[in-house]
Amino acid sequence: MTIARIGLAIGLALGLSACSSKFETYNGPEVTQLQVYKSERVLYLLHDNEVLKAYHVSLGGDPVGPKEVEGDEKTPEGLYYINRRNPESAFYLSLGISYPNPHDVEVARAMGQSPGGDIFIHGQRGRRTNITDWTAGCIAIPNRDMRDVYAMVKDGTPIFIMP
């Protein structure tokens, strides 16, 4: 009887931990590209030309215009790729964006500065979701949405960030 109770307790514990996991699974159409429209504060996940999901986003603290140098609080503009993922991010979950590209480096160096880096799509680390733009240049979405995006988007997926 004691062994049965221990087995039941372990089963319940595993079941509860699965319910609270931040890792979702996704079995739908492949996300073939992401599109961010900074002026609309929206992120689209697409399969070919079909929008699968759309999410409201927060951007860098000074989001108008392309990112040029480290510390300008702008979100980059252009074509990049999802190049890494961080399940232990300080901002819940995060997907790395391949900023800076060679053009970004050239622009910053011409100004005698660094282009910066570490641009991500990430969760909000306990922030209220009604704050508009607060990141250092990243794209932030509510944690519940970040779970979906993290599950749906694979490394290597192109992301187009438009003004």
C-alpha atoms as a PDB file:
ATOM      1  CA  MET A   1       0.000   0.000   0.000  1.00  0.00           C
ATOM      2  CA  THR A   2       2.797   2.473   0.822  1.00  0.00           C
ATOM      3  CA  ILE A   3       4.500   1.841  -2.525  1.00  0.00           C
ATOM      4  CA  ALA A   4       1.208   2.457  -4.329  1.00  0.00           C
ATOM      5  CA  ARG A   5       0.759   5.788  -2.509  1.00  0.00           C
ATOM      6  CA  ILE A   6       4.322   6.816  -3.351  1.00  0.00           C
ATOM      7  CA  GLY A   7       3.696   5.943  -7.009  1.00  0.00           C
ATOM      8  CA  LEU A   8       0.473   7.939  -6.990  1.00  0.00           C
ATOM      9  CA  ALA A   9       2.215  10.936  -5.403  1.00  0.00           C
ATOM     10  CA  ILE A  10       5.009  10.820  -7.975  1.00  0.00           C
ATOM     11  CA  GLY A  11       2.474  10.560 -10.798  1.00  0.00           C
ATOM     12  CA  LEU A  12       0.513  13.552  -9.496  1.00  0.00           C
ATOM     13  CA  ALA A  13       3.679  15.595  -9.052  1.00  0.00           C
ATOM     14  CA  LEU A  14       4.810  14.858 -12.606  1.00  0.00           C
ATOM     15  CA  GLY A  15       1.371  15.670 -13.955  1.00  0.00           C
ATOM     16  CA  LEU A  16       1.234  18.994 -12.124  1.00  0.00           C
ATOM     17  CA  SER A  17       4.726  19.953 -13.223  1.00  0.00           C
ATOM     18  CA  ALA A  18       3.760  19.269 -16.839  1.00  0.00           C
ATOM     19  CA  CYS A  19       0.774  21.618 -16.503  1.00  0.00           C
ATOM     20  CA  SER A  20       2.941  24.476 -15.256  1.00  0.00           C
ATOM     21  CA  SER A  21       5.694  24.064 -17.859  1.00  0.00           C
ATOM     22  CA  LYS A  22       6.663  27.073 -19.931  1.00  0.00           C
ATOM     23  CA  PHE A  23       7.450  24.783 -22.869  1.00  0.00           C
ATOM     24  CA  GLU A  24       4.595  24.309 -25.302  1.00  0.00           C
ATOM     25  CA  THR A  25       4.483  21.941 -28.247  1.00  0.00           C
ATOM     26  CA  TYR A  26       3.362  22.866 -31.733  1.00  0.00           C
ATOM     27  CA  ASN A  27       2.224  20.527 -34.498  1.00  0.00           C
ATOM     28  CA  GLY A  28       0.744  22.973 -37.016  1.00  0.00           C
ATOM     29  CA  PRO A  29       2.039  24.422 -40.281  1.00  0.00           C
ATOM     30  CA  GLU A  30       5.714  25.422 -40.292  1.00  0.00           C
ATOM     31  CA  VAL A  31       6.436  29.066 -39.545  1.00  0.00           C
ATOM     32  CA  THR A  32       8.358  30.112 -42.668  1.00  0.00           C
ATOM     33  CA  GLN A  33       8.876  33.760 -41.715  1.00  0.00           C
ATOM     34  CA  LEU A  34       8.209  36.381 -39.080  1.00  0.00           C
ATOM     35  CA  GLN A  35       7.232  39.955 -39.860  1.00  0.00           C
ATOM     36  CA  VAL A  36       7.399  42.825 -37.399  1.00  0.00           C
ATOM     37  CA  TYR A  37       5.766  46.156 -38.184  1.00  0.00           C
ATOM     38  CA  LYS A  38       7.242  48.590 -35.689  1.00  0.00           C
ATOM     39  CA  SER A  39       4.749  51.392 -36.378  1.00  0.00           C
ATOM     40  CA  GLU A  40       1.848  49.015 -35.693  1.00  0.00           C
ATOM     41  CA  ARG A  41       3.572  47.230 -32.775  1.00  0.00           C
ATOM     42  CA  VAL A  42       2.686  43.830 -34.231  1.00  0.00           C
ATOM     43  CA  LEU A  43       4.519  40.542 -34.860  1.00  0.00           C
ATOM     44  CA  TYR A  44       3.123  38.142 -37.468  1.00  0.00           C
ATOM     45  CA  LEU A  45       4.042  34.461 -37.736  1.00  0.00           C
ATOM     46  CA  LEU A  46       3.471  33.247 -41.292  1.00  0.00           C
ATOM     47  CA  HIS A  47       3.417  30.010 -43.219  1.00  0.00           C
ATOM     48  CA  ASP A  48       4.252  31.170 -46.743  1.00  0.00           C
ATOM     49  CA  ASN A  49       1.731  34.040 -47.191  1.00  0.00           C
ATOM     50  CA  GLU A  50      -0.783  32.835 -44.588  1.00  0.00           C
ATOM     51  CA  VAL A  51      -0.781  34.568 -41.191  1.00  0.00           C
ATOM     52  CA  LEU A  52      -0.827  31.891 -38.494  1.00  0.00           C
ATOM     53  CA  LYS A  53      -0.689  34.198 -35.466  1.00  0.00           C
ATOM     54  CA  ALA A  54      -0.388  37.892 -34.677  1.00  0.00           C
ATOM     55  CA  TYR A  55       0.890  39.389 -31.424  1.00  0.00           C
ATOM     56  CA  HIS A  56       1.063  42.887 -29.948  1.00  0.00           C
ATOM     57  CA  VAL A  57       4.694  43.796 -29.164  1.00  0.00           C
ATOM     58  CA  SER A  58       6.718  46.274 -27.157  1.00  0.00           C
ATOM     59  CA  LEU A  59       9.883  47.673 -28.728  1.00  0.00           C
ATOM     60  CA  GLY A  60      12.952  49.652 -27.777  1.00  0.00           C
ATOM     61  CA  GLY A  61      12.425  52.759 -25.684  1.00  0.00           C
ATOM     62  CA  ASP A  62      13.118  54.998 -28.736  1.00  0.00           C
ATOM     63  CA  PRO A  63      11.692  52.818 -31.515  1.00  0.00           C
ATOM     64  CA  VAL A  64      11.379  55.222 -34.473  1.00  0.00           C
ATOM     65  CA  GLY A  65      14.131  54.646 -37.039  1.00  0.00           C
ATOM     66  CA  PRO A  66      16.606  51.816 -37.501  1.00  0.00           C
ATOM     67  CA  LYS A  67      19.061  50.709 -34.824  1.00  0.00           C
ATOM     68  CA  GLU A  68      22.463  52.208 -35.601  1.00  0.00           C
ATOM     69  CA  VAL A  69      24.582  52.035 -32.463  1.00  0.00           C
ATOM     70  CA  GLU A  70      24.708  50.340 -29.119  1.00  0.00           C
ATOM     71  CA  GLY A  71      22.582  52.087 -26.511  1.00  0.00           C
ATOM     72  CA  ASP A  72      20.298  53.973 -28.921  1.00  0.00           C
ATOM     73  CA  GLU A  73      17.259  51.979 -27.637  1.00  0.00           C
ATOM     74  CA  LYS A  74      16.078  51.356 -31.201  1.00  0.00           C
ATOM     75  CA  THR A  75      14.800  48.062 -32.586  1.00  0.00           C
ATOM     76  CA  PRO A  76      16.665  47.080 -35.773  1.00  0.00           C
ATOM     77  CA  GLU A  77      15.044  47.214 -39.211  1.00  0.00           C
ATOM     78  CA  GLY A  78      15.737  44.847 -42.090  1.00  0.00           C
ATOM     79  CA  LEU A  79      16.114  41.142 -42.762  1.00  0.00           C
ATOM     80  CA  TYR A  80      17.540  39.001 -39.971  1.00  0.00           C
ATOM     81  CA  TYR A  81      17.248  35.386 -38.852  1.00  0.00           C
ATOM     82  CA  ILE A  82      16.338  33.613 -35.640  1.00  0.00           C
ATOM     83  CA  ASN A  83      19.754  32.281 -34.666  1.00  0.00           C
ATOM     84  CA  ARG A  84      19.501  30.979 -31.100  1.00  0.00           C
ATOM     85  CA  ARG A  85      17.116  30.295 -28.250  1.00  0.00           C
ATOM     86  CA  ASN A  86      17.427  30.739 -24.514  1.00  0.00           C
ATOM     87  CA  PRO A  87      15.080  28.697 -22.320  1.00  0.00           C
ATOM     88  CA  GLU A  88      16.644  30.268 -19.210  1.00  0.00           C
ATOM     89  CA  SER A  89      16.348  33.895 -20.318  1.00  0.00           C
ATOM     90  CA  ALA A  90      16.087  36.628 -17.704  1.00  0.00           C
ATOM     91  CA  PHE A  91      13.010  37.612 -19.749  1.00  0.00           C
ATOM     92  CA  TYR A  92      11.201  34.256 -19.461  1.00  0.00           C
ATOM     93  CA  LEU A  93      12.045  32.686 -22.868  1.00  0.00           C
ATOM     94  CA  SER A  94      13.895  34.294 -25.749  1.00  0.00           C
ATOM     95  CA  LEU A  95      14.732  33.830 -29.418  1.00  0.00           C
ATOM     96  CA  GLY A  96      17.888  35.502 -30.695  1.00  0.00           C
ATOM     97  CA  ILE A  97      17.844  37.747 -33.754  1.00  0.00           C
ATOM     98  CA  SER A  98      20.968  37.807 -35.959  1.00  0.00           C
ATOM     99  CA  TYR A  99      21.602  41.539 -35.436  1.00  0.00           C
ATOM    100  CA  PRO A 100      24.086  43.006 -36.301  1.00  0.00           C
ATOM    101  CA  ASN A 101      24.521  42.011 -39.934  1.00  0.00           C
ATOM    102  CA  PRO A 102      27.561  43.246 -41.929  1.00  0.00           C
ATOM    103  CA  HIS A 103      25.714  46.407 -43.047  1.00  0.00           C
ATOM    104  CA  ASP A 104      24.798  47.247 -39.435  1.00  0.00           C
ATOM    105  CA  VAL A 105      28.456  46.861 -38.411  1.00  0.00           C
ATOM    106  CA  GLU A 106      29.571  49.116 -41.276  1.00  0.00           C
ATOM    107  CA  VAL A 107      27.075  51.860 -40.357  1.00  0.00           C
ATOM    108  CA  ALA A 108      28.101  51.872 -36.692  1.00  0.00           C
ATOM    109  CA  ARG A 109      31.833  51.773 -37.429  1.00  0.00           C
ATOM    110  CA  ALA A 110      31.457  54.713 -39.838  1.00  0.00           C
ATOM    111  CA  MET A 111      30.107  56.613 -36.825  1.00  0.00           C
ATOM    112  CA  GLY A 112      33.026  55.418 -34.693  1.00  0.00           C
ATOM    113  CA  GLN A 113      30.759  53.290 -32.504  1.00  0.00           C
ATOM    114  CA  SER A 114      29.678  49.711 -31.832  1.00  0.00           C
ATOM    115  CA  PRO A 115      26.427  48.424 -33.362  1.00  0.00           C
ATOM    116  CA  GLY A 116      25.585  46.575 -30.167  1.00  0.00           C
ATOM    117  CA  GLY A 117      23.994  43.147 -30.201  1.00  0.00           C
ATOM    118  CA  ASP A 118      21.963  40.693 -28.142  1.00  0.00           C
ATOM    119  CA  ILE A 119      18.665  41.572 -29.804  1.00  0.00           C
ATOM    120  CA  PHE A 120      15.901  39.089 -28.977  1.00  0.00           C
ATOM    121  CA  ILE A 121      12.223  38.374 -29.122  1.00  0.00           C
ATOM    122  CA  HIS A 122      11.484  37.729 -25.457  1.00  0.00           C
ATOM    123  CA  GLY A 123       8.901  37.618 -22.707  1.00  0.00           C
ATOM    124  CA  GLN A 124       8.284  40.372 -20.205  1.00  0.00           C
ATOM    125  CA  ARG A 125       9.772  39.181 -16.912  1.00  0.00           C
ATOM    126  CA  GLY A 126       6.838  40.209 -14.764  1.00  0.00           C
ATOM    127  CA  ARG A 127       6.254  43.543 -16.487  1.00  0.00           C
ATOM    128  CA  ARG A 128       2.715  44.751 -16.978  1.00  0.00           C
ATOM    129  CA  THR A 129       1.647  44.106 -20.548  1.00  0.00           C
ATOM    130  CA  ASN A 130       0.196  47.579 -21.081  1.00  0.00           C
ATOM    131  CA  ILE A 131       3.605  49.297 -21.068  1.00  0.00           C
ATOM    132  CA  THR A 132       4.286  50.333 -24.658  1.00  0.00           C
ATOM    133  CA  ASP A 133       8.030  50.516 -25.402  1.00  0.00           C
ATOM    134  CA  TRP A 134      10.604  49.737 -22.760  1.00  0.00           C
ATOM    135  CA  THR A 135      13.300  47.383 -24.093  1.00  0.00           C
ATOM    136  CA  ALA A 136      16.869  48.272 -25.031  1.00  0.00           C
ATOM    137  CA  GLY A 137      16.006  47.363 -28.642  1.00  0.00           C
ATOM    138  CA  CYS A 138      14.423  43.940 -28.350  1.00  0.00           C
ATOM    139  CA  ILE A 139      10.916  42.824 -29.257  1.00  0.00           C
ATOM    140  CA  ALA A 140       8.914  41.893 -26.138  1.00  0.00           C
ATOM    141  CA  ILE A 141       5.620  40.040 -25.911  1.00  0.00           C
ATOM    142  CA  PRO A 142       3.589  38.744 -22.967  1.00  0.00           C
ATOM    143  CA  ASN A 143       4.947  35.500 -21.504  1.00  0.00           C
ATOM    144  CA  ARG A 144       1.848  33.506 -22.488  1.00  0.00           C
ATOM    145  CA  ASP A 145       2.419  34.547 -26.124  1.00  0.00           C
ATOM    146  CA  MET A 146       6.155  33.922 -25.877  1.00  0.00           C
ATOM    147  CA  ARG A 147       5.430  30.275 -25.041  1.00  0.00           C
ATOM    148  CA  ASP A 148       3.628  29.927 -28.386  1.00  0.00           C
ATOM    149  CA  VAL A 149       6.278  31.775 -30.384  1.00  0.00           C
ATOM    150  CA  TYR A 150       9.099  29.787 -28.761  1.00  0.00           C
ATOM    151  CA  ALA A 151       7.361  26.512 -29.696  1.00  0.00           C
ATOM    152  CA  MET A 152       6.399  27.560 -33.226  1.00  0.00           C
ATOM    153  CA  VAL A 153       9.572  29.259 -34.510  1.00  0.00           C
ATOM    154  CA  LYS A 154      12.688  27.308 -35.446  1.00  0.00           C
ATOM    155  CA  ASP A 155      16.250  28.548 -35.616  1.00  0.00           C
ATOM    156  CA  GLY A 156      17.047  29.818 -39.114  1.00  0.00           C
ATOM    157  CA  THR A 157      13.595  31.330 -39.671  1.00  0.00           C
ATOM    158  CA  PRO A 158      13.829  34.734 -41.402  1.00  0.00           C
ATOM    159  CA  ILE A 159      12.448  37.774 -39.577  1.00  0.00           C
ATOM    160  CA  PHE A 160      11.636  40.937 -41.483  1.00  0.00           C
ATOM    161  CA  ILE A 161      11.524  44.009 -39.241  1.00  0.00           C
ATOM    162  CA  MET A 162       9.825  46.953 -40.953  1.00  0.00           C
ATOM    163  CA  PRO A 163       9.426  50.576 -39.833  1.00  0.00           C
END
